[in-house]
């Protein structure tokens, strides 16, 4: 069956052109989809990295002694929802002890 199909494609110039065009369109479509996926992944990574940096800056400003703990904690978090929740808690936490507990619990 494979041989008959290949023979048909090879002997009919119109069919050969159609097959070549379809392959080219498929490759172009695949590249476009790959770029879109890569762009989406890049945006998500960039968002997480920005949130991680924001957390460290917040902690450094409010509780300087916890800056290295914050850096270690956020390096283990990669979901933007977790990072956003941590920011919300760190902004309203009242003391260094509570902030320390929050940073430790978040990554436990």
PDB file of N, CA and C in Angstrom:
ATOM      1  N   UNK A   1       0.819  -1.185   0.000  1.00  0.00           N
ATOM      2  CA  UNK A   1       0.000   0.000   0.000  1.00  0.00           C
ATOM      3  C   UNK A   1       0.875   1.267   0.000  1.00  0.00           C
ATOM      4  N   UNK A   2       1.912   1.268   0.844  1.00  0.00           N
ATOM      5  CA  UNK A   2       2.837   2.393   0.907  1.00  0.00           C
ATOM      6  C   UNK A   2       3.493   2.618  -0.461  1.00  0.00           C
ATOM      7  N   UNK A   3       3.916   1.539  -1.103  1.00  0.00           N
ATOM      8  CA  UNK A   3       4.580   1.629  -2.403  1.00  0.00           C
ATOM      9  C   UNK A   3       3.650   2.255  -3.429  1.00  0.00           C
ATOM     10  N   UNK A   4       2.379   1.846  -3.456  1.00  0.00           N
ATOM     11  CA  UNK A   4       1.419   2.387  -4.415  1.00  0.00           C
ATOM     12  C   UNK A   4       1.213   3.877  -4.199  1.00  0.00           C
ATOM     13  N   UNK A   5       1.146   4.282  -2.942  1.00  0.00           N
ATOM     14  CA  UNK A   5       0.940   5.701  -2.644  1.00  0.00           C
ATOM     15  C   UNK A   5       2.163   6.510  -3.076  1.00  0.00           C
ATOM     16  N   UNK A   6       3.356   6.029  -2.765  1.00  0.00           N
ATOM     17  CA  UNK A   6       4.578   6.727  -3.158  1.00  0.00           C
ATOM     18  C   UNK A   6       4.693   6.802  -4.678  1.00  0.00           C
ATOM     19  N   UNK A   7       4.365   5.737  -5.355  1.00  0.00           N
ATOM     20  CA  UNK A   7       4.422   5.710  -6.809  1.00  0.00           C
ATOM     21  C   UNK A   7       3.470   6.751  -7.383  1.00  0.00           C
ATOM     22  N   UNK A   8       2.265   6.814  -6.843  1.00  0.00           N
ATOM     23  CA  UNK A   8       1.264   7.768  -7.307  1.00  0.00           C
ATOM     24  C   UNK A   8       1.766   9.201  -7.126  1.00  0.00           C
ATOM     25  N   UNK A   9       2.337   9.472  -5.974  1.00  0.00           N
ATOM     26  CA  UNK A   9       2.844  10.823  -5.697  1.00  0.00           C
ATOM     27  C   UNK A   9       3.987  11.168  -6.634  1.00  0.00           C
ATOM     28  N   UNK A  10       4.903  10.237  -6.824  1.00  0.00           N
ATOM     29  CA  UNK A  10       6.083  10.496  -7.644  1.00  0.00           C
ATOM     30  C   UNK A  10       5.766  10.622  -9.137  1.00  0.00           C
ATOM     31  N   UNK A  11       4.731   9.978  -9.599  1.00  0.00           N
ATOM     32  CA  UNK A  11       4.447  10.006 -11.034  1.00  0.00           C
ATOM     33  C   UNK A  11       3.484  11.105 -11.436  1.00  0.00           C
ATOM     34  N   UNK A  12       2.834  11.719 -10.505  1.00  0.00           N
ATOM     35  CA  UNK A  12       1.871  12.778 -10.832  1.00  0.00           C
ATOM     36  C   UNK A  12       2.432  14.117 -10.339  1.00  0.00           C
ATOM     37  N   UNK A  13       2.931  14.967 -11.235  1.00  0.00           N
ATOM     38  CA  UNK A  13       3.541  16.232 -10.832  1.00  0.00           C
ATOM     39  C   UNK A  13       2.615  17.119  -9.984  1.00  0.00           C
ATOM     40  N   UNK A  14       1.331  17.132 -10.323  1.00  0.00           N
ATOM     41  CA  UNK A  14       0.389  17.965  -9.554  1.00  0.00           C
ATOM     42  C   UNK A  14       0.277  17.475  -8.118  1.00  0.00           C
ATOM     43  N   UNK A  15       0.214  16.165  -7.971  1.00  0.00           N
ATOM     44  CA  UNK A  15       0.104  15.577  -6.636  1.00  0.00           C
ATOM     45  C   UNK A  15       1.398  15.831  -5.859  1.00  0.00           C
ATOM     46  N   UNK A  16       2.518  15.683  -6.531  1.00  0.00           N
ATOM     47  CA  UNK A  16       3.811  15.911  -5.898  1.00  0.00           C
ATOM     48  C   UNK A  16       3.899  17.349  -5.367  1.00  0.00           C
ATOM     49  N   UNK A  17       3.420  18.328  -6.155  1.00  0.00           N
ATOM     50  CA  UNK A  17       3.420  19.723  -5.722  1.00  0.00           C
ATOM     51  C   UNK A  17       2.502  19.925  -4.524  1.00  0.00           C
ATOM     52  N   UNK A  18       1.332  19.301  -4.559  1.00  0.00           N
ATOM     53  CA  UNK A  18       0.395  19.425  -3.447  1.00  0.00           C
ATOM     54  C   UNK A  18       0.982  18.850  -2.153  1.00  0.00           C
ATOM     55  N   UNK A  19       1.631  17.706  -2.273  1.00  0.00           N
ATOM     56  CA  UNK A  19       2.245  17.080  -1.108  1.00  0.00           C
ATOM     57  C   UNK A  19       3.363  17.971  -0.566  1.00  0.00           C
ATOM     58  N   UNK A  20       4.185  18.505  -1.451  1.00  0.00           N
ATOM     59  CA  UNK A  20       5.278  19.377  -1.031  1.00  0.00           C
ATOM     60  C   UNK A  20       4.725  20.634  -0.352  1.00  0.00           C
ATOM     61  N   UNK A  21       3.686  21.221  -0.915  1.00  0.00           N
ATOM     62  CA  UNK A  21       3.082  22.416  -0.335  1.00  0.00           C
ATOM     63  C   UNK A  21       2.476  22.100   1.034  1.00  0.00           C
ATOM     64  N   UNK A  22       1.824  20.956   1.141  1.00  0.00           N
ATOM     65  CA  UNK A  22       1.235  20.560   2.426  1.00  0.00           C
ATOM     66  C   UNK A  22       2.309  20.371   3.493  1.00  0.00           C
ATOM     67  N   UNK A  23       3.417  19.755   3.091  1.00  0.00           N
ATOM     68  CA  UNK A  23       4.513  19.573   4.042  1.00  0.00           C
ATOM     69  C   UNK A  23       5.061  20.924   4.490  1.00  0.00           C
ATOM     70  N   UNK A  24       5.241  21.835   3.539  1.00  0.00           N
ATOM     71  CA  UNK A  24       5.767  23.167   3.863  1.00  0.00           C
ATOM     72  C   UNK A  24       4.803  23.916   4.790  1.00  0.00           C
ATOM     73  N   UNK A  25       3.515  23.829   4.499  1.00  0.00           N
ATOM     74  CA  UNK A  25       2.526  24.486   5.352  1.00  0.00           C
ATOM     75  C   UNK A  25       2.529  23.876   6.756  1.00  0.00           C
ATOM     76  N   UNK A  26       2.666  22.567   6.810  1.00  0.00           N
ATOM     77  CA  UNK A  26       2.723  21.889   8.109  1.00  0.00           C
ATOM     78  C   UNK A  26       3.930  22.328   8.918  1.00  0.00           C
ATOM     79  N   UNK A  27       5.077  22.439   8.258  1.00  0.00           N
ATOM     80  CA  UNK A  27       6.281  22.895   8.957  1.00  0.00           C
ATOM     81  C   UNK A  27       6.105  24.336   9.454  1.00  0.00           C
ATOM     82  N   UNK A  28       5.554  25.194   8.595  1.00  0.00           N
ATOM     83  CA  UNK A  28       5.349  26.595   8.980  1.00  0.00           C
ATOM     84  C   UNK A  28       4.373  26.693  10.150  1.00  0.00           C
ATOM     85  N   UNK A  29       3.321  25.906  10.103  1.00  0.00           N
ATOM     86  CA  UNK A  29       2.340  25.906  11.181  1.00  0.00           C
ATOM     87  C   UNK A  29       2.980  25.415  12.487  1.00  0.00           C
ATOM     88  N   UNK A  30       3.801  24.381  12.367  1.00  0.00           N
ATOM     89  CA  UNK A  30       4.498  23.853  13.541  1.00  0.00           C
ATOM     90  C   UNK A  30       5.437  24.878  14.152  1.00  0.00           C
ATOM     91  N   UNK A  31       6.154  25.615  13.297  1.00  0.00           N
ATOM     92  CA  UNK A  31       7.051  26.662  13.805  1.00  0.00           C
ATOM     93  C   UNK A  31       6.248  27.754  14.513  1.00  0.00           C
ATOM     94  N   UNK A  32       5.117  28.151  13.920  1.00  0.00           N
ATOM     95  CA  UNK A  32       4.285  29.198  14.520  1.00  0.00           C
ATOM     96  C   UNK A  32       3.752  28.746  15.876  1.00  0.00           C
ATOM     97  N   UNK A  33       3.301  27.499  15.961  1.00  0.00           N
ATOM     98  CA  UNK A  33       2.803  26.979  17.226  1.00  0.00           C
ATOM     99  C   UNK A  33       3.927  26.917  18.255  1.00  0.00           C
ATOM    100  N   UNK A  34       5.106  26.504  17.811  1.00  0.00           N
ATOM    101  CA  UNK A  34       6.261  26.442  18.704  1.00  0.00           C
ATOM    102  C   UNK A  34       6.636  27.813  19.239  1.00  0.00           C
ATOM    103  N   UNK A  35       6.587  28.824  18.374  1.00  0.00           N
ATOM    104  CA  UNK A  35       6.890  30.185  18.811  1.00  0.00           C
ATOM    105  C   UNK A  35       5.868  30.663  19.836  1.00  0.00           C
ATOM    106  N   UNK A  36       4.594  30.365  19.581  1.00  0.00           N
ATOM    107  CA  UNK A  36       3.536  30.787  20.506  1.00  0.00           C
ATOM    108  C   UNK A  36       3.713  30.115  21.865  1.00  0.00           C
ATOM    109  N   UNK A  37       4.022  28.820  21.851  1.00  0.00           N
ATOM    110  CA  UNK A  37       4.252  28.106  23.107  1.00  0.00           C
ATOM    111  C   UNK A  37       5.462  28.680  23.836  1.00  0.00           C
ATOM    112  N   UNK A  38       6.524  28.921  23.091  1.00  0.00           N
ATOM    113  CA  UNK A  38       7.733  29.478  23.689  1.00  0.00           C
ATOM    114  C   UNK A  38       7.483  30.860  24.275  1.00  0.00           C
ATOM    115  N   UNK A  39       6.708  31.655  23.564  1.00  0.00           N
ATOM    116  CA  UNK A  39       6.396  32.997  24.042  1.00  0.00           C
ATOM    117  C   UNK A  39       5.576  32.925  25.331  1.00  0.00           C
ATOM    118  N   UNK A  40       4.598  32.038  25.373  1.00  0.00           N
ATOM    119  CA  UNK A  40       3.766  31.881  26.568  1.00  0.00           C
ATOM    120  C   UNK A  40       4.609  31.403  27.751  1.00  0.00           C
ATOM    121  N   UNK A  41       5.489  30.441  27.509  1.00  0.00           N
ATOM    122  CA  UNK A  41       6.371  29.954  28.576  1.00  0.00           C
ATOM    123  C   UNK A  41       7.285  31.068  29.071  1.00  0.00           C
ATOM    124  N   UNK A  42       7.806  31.852  28.135  1.00  0.00           N
ATOM    125  CA  UNK A  42       8.681  32.961  28.498  1.00  0.00           C
ATOM    126  C   UNK A  42       7.962  33.997  29.346  1.00  0.00           C
ATOM    127  N   UNK A  43       6.721  34.293  28.993  1.00  0.00           N
ATOM    128  CA  UNK A  43       5.947  35.259  29.779  1.00  0.00           C
ATOM    129  C   UNK A  43       5.703  34.727  31.190  1.00  0.00           C
ATOM    130  N   UNK A  44       5.344  33.461  31.284  1.00  0.00           N
ATOM    131  CA  UNK A  44       5.080  32.859  32.595  1.00  0.00           C
ATOM    132  C   UNK A  44       6.347  32.859  33.451  1.00  0.00           C
ATOM    133  N   UNK A  45       7.470  32.510  32.844  1.00  0.00           N
ATOM    134  CA  UNK A  45       8.745  32.523  33.562  1.00  0.00           C
ATOM    135  C   UNK A  45       9.101  33.932  34.021  1.00  0.00           C
ATOM    136  N   UNK A  46       8.906  34.881  33.129  1.00  0.00           N
ATOM    137  CA  UNK A  46       9.204  36.274  33.460  1.00  0.00           C
ATOM    138  C   UNK A  46       8.328  36.798  34.591  1.00  0.00           C
ATOM    139  N   UNK A  47       7.061  36.423  34.562  1.00  0.00           N
ATOM    140  CA  UNK A  47       6.142  36.827  35.622  1.00  0.00           C
ATOM    141  C   UNK A  47       6.610  36.270  36.957  1.00  0.00           C
ATOM    142  N   UNK A  48       6.922  34.985  36.984  1.00  0.00           N
ATOM    143  CA  UNK A  48       7.375  34.356  38.234  1.00  0.00           C
ATOM    144  C   UNK A  48       8.674  34.991  38.731  1.00  0.00           C
ATOM    145  N   UNK A  49       9.584  35.236  37.835  1.00  0.00           N
ATOM    146  CA  UNK A  49      10.853  35.843  38.232  1.00  0.00           C
ATOM    147  C   UNK A  49      10.622  37.245  38.813  1.00  0.00           C
ATOM    148  N   UNK A  50       9.744  37.992  38.190  1.00  0.00           N
ATOM    149  CA  UNK A  50       9.422  39.328  38.699  1.00  0.00           C
ATOM    150  C   UNK A  50       8.768  39.267  40.072  1.00  0.00           C
ATOM    151  N   UNK A  51       7.871  38.318  40.270  1.00  0.00           N
ATOM    152  CA  UNK A  51       7.223  38.162  41.570  1.00  0.00           C
ATOM    153  C   UNK A  51       8.234  37.732  42.634  1.00  0.00           C
ATOM    154  N   UNK A  52       9.136  36.836  42.259  1.00  0.00           N
ATOM    155  CA  UNK A  52      10.180  36.410  43.198  1.00  0.00           C
ATOM    156  C   UNK A  52      11.034  37.599  43.631  1.00  0.00           C
ATOM    157  N   UNK A  53      11.424  38.425  42.664  1.00  0.00           N
ATOM    158  CA  UNK A  53      12.235  39.605  42.971  1.00  0.00           C
ATOM    159  C   UNK A  53      11.471  40.584  43.849  1.00  0.00           C
ATOM    160  N   UNK A  54      10.173  40.736  43.585  1.00  0.00           N
ATOM    161  CA  UNK A  54       9.349  41.641  44.391  1.00  0.00           C
ATOM    162  C   UNK A  54       9.282  41.165  45.837  1.00  0.00           C
ATOM    163  N   UNK A  55       9.140  39.866  46.029  1.00  0.00           N
ATOM    164  CA  UNK A  55       9.084  39.319  47.390  1.00  0.00           C
ATOM    165  C   UNK A  55      10.378  39.615  48.143  1.00  0.00           C
ATOM    166  N   UNK A  56      11.498  39.368  47.502  1.00  0.00           N
ATOM    167  CA  UNK A  56      12.784  39.618  48.152  1.00  0.00           C
ATOM    168  C   UNK A  56      12.915  41.102  48.491  1.00  0.00           C
ATOM    169  N   UNK A  57      12.492  41.985  47.601  1.00  0.00           N
ATOM    170  CA  UNK A  57      12.581  43.426  47.867  1.00  0.00           C
ATOM    171  C   UNK A  57      11.673  43.840  49.023  1.00  0.00           C
ATOM    172  N   UNK A  58      10.476  43.280  49.051  1.00  0.00           N
ATOM    173  CA  UNK A  58       9.545  43.594  50.145  1.00  0.00           C
ATOM    174  C   UNK A  58      10.151  43.176  51.478  1.00  0.00           C
ATOM    175  N   UNK A  59      10.662  41.953  51.523  1.00  0.00           N
ATOM    176  CA  UNK A  59      11.258  41.446  52.762  1.00  0.00           C
ATOM    177  C   UNK A  59      12.493  42.262  53.124  1.00  0.00           C
ATOM    178  N   UNK A  60      13.319  42.582  52.148  1.00  0.00           N
ATOM    179  CA  UNK A  60      14.532  43.362  52.420  1.00  0.00           C
ATOM    180  C   UNK A  60      14.177  44.740  53.013  1.00  0.00           C
ATOM    181  N   UNK A  61      13.100  45.337  52.535  1.00  0.00           N
ATOM    182  CA  UNK A  61      12.686  46.652  53.050  1.00  0.00           C
ATOM    183  C   UNK A  61      12.042  46.552  54.432  1.00  0.00           C
ATOM    184  N   UNK A  62      11.197  45.556  54.616  1.00  0.00           N
ATOM    185  CA  UNK A  62      10.451  45.450  55.879  1.00  0.00           C
ATOM    186  C   UNK A  62      11.207  44.696  56.960  1.00  0.00           C
ATOM    187  N   UNK A  63      11.902  43.640  56.563  1.00  0.00           N
ATOM    188  CA  UNK A  63      12.587  42.773  57.533  1.00  0.00           C
ATOM    189  C   UNK A  63      13.964  42.384  56.982  1.00  0.00           C
ATOM    190  N   UNK A  64      14.922  43.300  56.997  1.00  0.00           N
ATOM    191  CA  UNK A  64      16.231  43.066  56.374  1.00  0.00           C
ATOM    192  C   UNK A  64      16.930  41.777  56.817  1.00  0.00           C
ATOM    193  N   UNK A  65      16.733  41.385  58.047  1.00  0.00           N
ATOM    194  CA  UNK A  65      17.392  40.176  58.545  1.00  0.00           C
ATOM    195  C   UNK A  65      16.889  38.905  57.859  1.00  0.00           C
ATOM    196  N   UNK A  66      15.733  38.974  57.216  1.00  0.00           N
ATOM    197  CA  UNK A  66      15.139  37.794  56.567  1.00  0.00           C
ATOM    198  C   UNK A  66      15.375  37.749  55.056  1.00  0.00           C
ATOM    199  N   UNK A  67      16.187  38.648  54.554  1.00  0.00           N
ATOM    200  CA  UNK A  67      16.388  38.736  53.104  1.00  0.00           C
ATOM    201  C   UNK A  67      16.923  37.434  52.509  1.00  0.00           C
ATOM    202  N   UNK A  68      17.907  36.824  53.152  1.00  0.00           N
ATOM    203  CA  UNK A  68      18.451  35.582  52.580  1.00  0.00           C
ATOM    204  C   UNK A  68      17.453  34.440  52.681  1.00  0.00           C
ATOM    205  N   UNK A  69      16.668  34.392  53.747  1.00  0.00           N
ATOM    206  CA  UNK A  69      15.617  33.373  53.859  1.00  0.00           C
ATOM    207  C   UNK A  69      14.580  33.573  52.752  1.00  0.00           C
ATOM    208  N   UNK A  70      14.235  34.814  52.493  1.00  0.00           N
ATOM    209  CA  UNK A  70      13.277  35.107  51.429  1.00  0.00           C
ATOM    210  C   UNK A  70      13.813  34.635  50.083  1.00  0.00           C
ATOM    211  N   UNK A  71      15.079  34.911  49.836  1.00  0.00           N
ATOM    212  CA  UNK A  71      15.711  34.493  48.575  1.00  0.00           C
ATOM    213  C   UNK A  71      15.653  32.971  48.430  1.00  0.00           C
ATOM    214  N   UNK A  72      15.979  32.263  49.488  1.00  0.00           N
ATOM    215  CA  UNK A  72      15.937  30.793  49.446  1.00  0.00           C
ATOM    216  C   UNK A  72      14.511  30.283  49.256  1.00  0.00           C
ATOM    217  N   UNK A  73      13.575  30.905  49.949  1.00  0.00           N
ATOM    218  CA  UNK A  73      12.184  30.463  49.887  1.00  0.00           C
ATOM    219  C   UNK A  73      11.585  30.643  48.501  1.00  0.00           C
ATOM    220  N   UNK A  74      11.780  31.818  47.918  1.00  0.00           N
ATOM    221  CA  UNK A  74      11.155  32.072  46.615  1.00  0.00           C
ATOM    222  C   UNK A  74      11.813  31.281  45.497  1.00  0.00           C
ATOM    223  N   UNK A  75      13.056  30.892  45.687  1.00  0.00           N
ATOM    224  CA  UNK A  75      13.716  30.117  44.627  1.00  0.00           C
ATOM    225  C   UNK A  75      13.059  28.747  44.453  1.00  0.00           C
ATOM    226  N   UNK A  76      12.301  28.308  45.452  1.00  0.00           N
ATOM    227  CA  UNK A  76      11.608  27.016  45.384  1.00  0.00           C
ATOM    228  C   UNK A  76      10.176  27.141  44.865  1.00  0.00           C
ATOM    229  N   UNK A  77       9.690  28.367  44.730  1.00  0.00           N
ATOM    230  CA  UNK A  77       8.314  28.584  44.267  1.00  0.00           C
ATOM    231  C   UNK A  77       8.315  28.984  42.793  1.00  0.00           C
ATOM    232  N   UNK A  78       7.458  28.343  42.020  1.00  0.00           N
ATOM    233  CA  UNK A  78       7.417  28.645  40.583  1.00  0.00           C
ATOM    234  C   UNK A  78       6.002  28.880  40.063  1.00  0.00           C
ATOM    235  N   UNK A  79       5.031  28.834  40.944  1.00  0.00           N
ATOM    236  CA  UNK A  79       3.648  29.102  40.533  1.00  0.00           C
ATOM    237  C   UNK A  79       3.317  30.549  40.881  1.00  0.00           C
ATOM    238  N   UNK A  80       2.848  31.285  39.891  1.00  0.00           N
ATOM    239  CA  UNK A  80       2.563  32.700  40.128  1.00  0.00           C
ATOM    240  C   UNK A  80       1.495  32.879  41.200  1.00  0.00           C
ATOM    241  N   UNK A  81       0.548  31.971  41.297  1.00  0.00           N
ATOM    242  CA  UNK A  81      -0.501  32.097  42.312  1.00  0.00           C
ATOM    243  C   UNK A  81       0.083  32.004  43.720  1.00  0.00           C
ATOM    244  N   UNK A  82       1.040  31.104  43.918  1.00  0.00           N
ATOM    245  CA  UNK A  82       1.698  30.982  45.226  1.00  0.00           C
ATOM    246  C   UNK A  82       2.491  32.247  45.547  1.00  0.00           C
ATOM    247  N   UNK A  83       3.202  32.745  44.552  1.00  0.00           N
ATOM    248  CA  UNK A  83       4.026  33.938  44.754  1.00  0.00           C
ATOM    249  C   UNK A  83       3.162  35.157  45.055  1.00  0.00           C
ATOM    250  N   UNK A  84       2.049  35.296  44.334  1.00  0.00           N
ATOM    251  CA  UNK A  84       1.147  36.425  44.571  1.00  0.00           C
ATOM    252  C   UNK A  84       0.549  36.360  45.977  1.00  0.00           C
ATOM    253  N   UNK A  85       0.169  35.157  46.408  1.00  0.00           N
ATOM    254  CA  UNK A  85      -0.380  34.992  47.757  1.00  0.00           C
ATOM    255  C   UNK A  85       0.660  35.355  48.810  1.00  0.00           C
ATOM    256  N   UNK A  86       1.897  34.950  48.575  1.00  0.00           N
ATOM    257  CA  UNK A  86       2.969  35.266  49.520  1.00  0.00           C
ATOM    258  C   UNK A  86       3.182  36.779  49.606  1.00  0.00           C
ATOM    259  N   UNK A  87       3.140  37.458  48.490  1.00  0.00           N
ATOM    260  CA  UNK A  87       3.277  38.921  48.490  1.00  0.00           C
ATOM    261  C   UNK A  87       2.170  39.548  49.332  1.00  0.00           C
ATOM    262  N   UNK A  88       0.942  39.107  49.110  1.00  0.00           N
ATOM    263  CA  UNK A  88      -0.186  39.673  49.854  1.00  0.00           C
ATOM    264  C   UNK A  88      -0.010  39.489  51.363  1.00  0.00           C
ATOM    265  N   UNK A  89       0.477  38.333  51.762  1.00  0.00           N
ATOM    266  CA  UNK A  89       0.678  38.078  53.185  1.00  0.00           C
ATOM    267  C   UNK A  89       1.848  38.897  53.734  1.00  0.00           C
ATOM    268  N   UNK A  90       2.920  39.002  52.959  1.00  0.00           N
ATOM    269  CA  UNK A  90       4.098  39.730  53.439  1.00  0.00           C
ATOM    270  C   UNK A  90       3.840  41.233  53.580  1.00  0.00           C
ATOM    271  N   UNK A  91       2.961  41.751  52.779  1.00  0.00           N
ATOM    272  CA  UNK A  91       2.665  43.181  52.838  1.00  0.00           C
ATOM    273  C   UNK A  91       1.915  43.528  54.128  1.00  0.00           C
ATOM    274  N   UNK A  92       1.108  42.599  54.621  1.00  0.00           N
ATOM    275  CA  UNK A  92       0.298  42.906  55.809  1.00  0.00           C
ATOM    276  C   UNK A  92       0.820  42.283  57.101  1.00  0.00           C
ATOM    277  N   UNK A  93       1.804  41.391  57.001  1.00  0.00           N
ATOM    278  CA  UNK A  93       2.329  40.752  58.210  1.00  0.00           C
ATOM    279  C   UNK A  93       2.895  41.826  59.140  1.00  0.00           C
ATOM    280  N   UNK A  94       2.669  41.642  60.445  1.00  0.00           N
ATOM    281  CA  UNK A  94       2.979  42.726  61.375  1.00  0.00           C
ATOM    282  C   UNK A  94       4.385  42.698  61.978  1.00  0.00           C
ATOM    283  N   UNK A  95       5.003  41.526  62.066  1.00  0.00           N
ATOM    284  CA  UNK A  95       6.315  41.492  62.717  1.00  0.00           C
ATOM    285  C   UNK A  95       7.239  40.484  62.029  1.00  0.00           C
ATOM    286  N   UNK A  96       8.511  40.591  62.369  1.00  0.00           N
ATOM    287  CA  UNK A  96       9.541  39.769  61.744  1.00  0.00           C
ATOM    288  C   UNK A  96       9.338  38.274  62.025  1.00  0.00           C
ATOM    289  N   UNK A  97       8.925  37.954  63.219  1.00  0.00           N
ATOM    290  CA  UNK A  97       8.705  36.549  63.580  1.00  0.00           C
ATOM    291  C   UNK A  97       7.600  35.929  62.712  1.00  0.00           C
ATOM    292  N   UNK A  98       6.539  36.656  62.502  1.00  0.00           N
ATOM    293  CA  UNK A  98       5.442  36.166  61.658  1.00  0.00           C
ATOM    294  C   UNK A  98       5.887  36.039  60.207  1.00  0.00           C
ATOM    295  N   UNK A  99       6.690  36.984  59.754  1.00  0.00           N
ATOM    296  CA  UNK A  99       7.205  36.933  58.381  1.00  0.00           C
ATOM    297  C   UNK A  99       8.112  35.724  58.202  1.00  0.00           C
ATOM    298  N   UNK A 100       8.944  35.466  59.192  1.00  0.00           N
ATOM    299  CA  UNK A 100       9.845  34.313  59.141  1.00  0.00           C
ATOM    300  C   UNK A 100       9.039  33.023  59.070  1.00  0.00           C
ATOM    301  N   UNK A 101       8.033  32.931  59.914  1.00  0.00           N
ATOM    302  CA  UNK A 101       7.163  31.741  59.923  1.00  0.00           C
ATOM    303  C   UNK A 101       6.477  31.569  58.569  1.00  0.00           C
ATOM    304  N   UNK A 102       6.001  32.663  58.011  1.00  0.00           N
ATOM    305  CA  UNK A 102       5.336  32.627  56.705  1.00  0.00           C
ATOM    306  C   UNK A 102       6.273  32.142  55.604  1.00  0.00           C
ATOM    307  N   UNK A 103       7.486  32.655  55.592  1.00  0.00           N
ATOM    308  CA  UNK A 103       8.463  32.239  54.572  1.00  0.00           C
ATOM    309  C   UNK A 103       8.827  30.765  54.713  1.00  0.00           C
ATOM    310  N   UNK A 104       8.955  30.295  55.937  1.00  0.00           N
ATOM    311  CA  UNK A 104       9.299  28.891  56.156  1.00  0.00           C
ATOM    312  C   UNK A 104       8.132  27.968  55.787  1.00  0.00           C
ATOM    313  N   UNK A 105       6.902  28.359  56.143  1.00  0.00           N
ATOM    314  CA  UNK A 105       5.732  27.534  55.857  1.00  0.00           C
ATOM    315  C   UNK A 105       5.430  27.462  54.369  1.00  0.00           C
ATOM    316  N   UNK A 106       5.690  28.534  53.678  1.00  0.00           N
ATOM    317  CA  UNK A 106       5.376  28.598  52.248  1.00  0.00           C
ATOM    318  C   UNK A 106       6.156  27.562  51.454  1.00  0.00           C
ATOM    319  N   UNK A 107       7.369  27.290  51.865  1.00  0.00           N
ATOM    320  CA  UNK A 107       8.204  26.366  51.102  1.00  0.00           C
ATOM    321  C   UNK A 107       8.310  24.992  51.745  1.00  0.00           C
ATOM    322  N   UNK A 108       7.610  24.794  52.848  1.00  0.00           N
ATOM    323  CA  UNK A 108       7.674  23.476  53.514  1.00  0.00           C
ATOM    324  C   UNK A 108       6.869  22.429  52.779  1.00  0.00           C
TER     325      UNK A 108
END
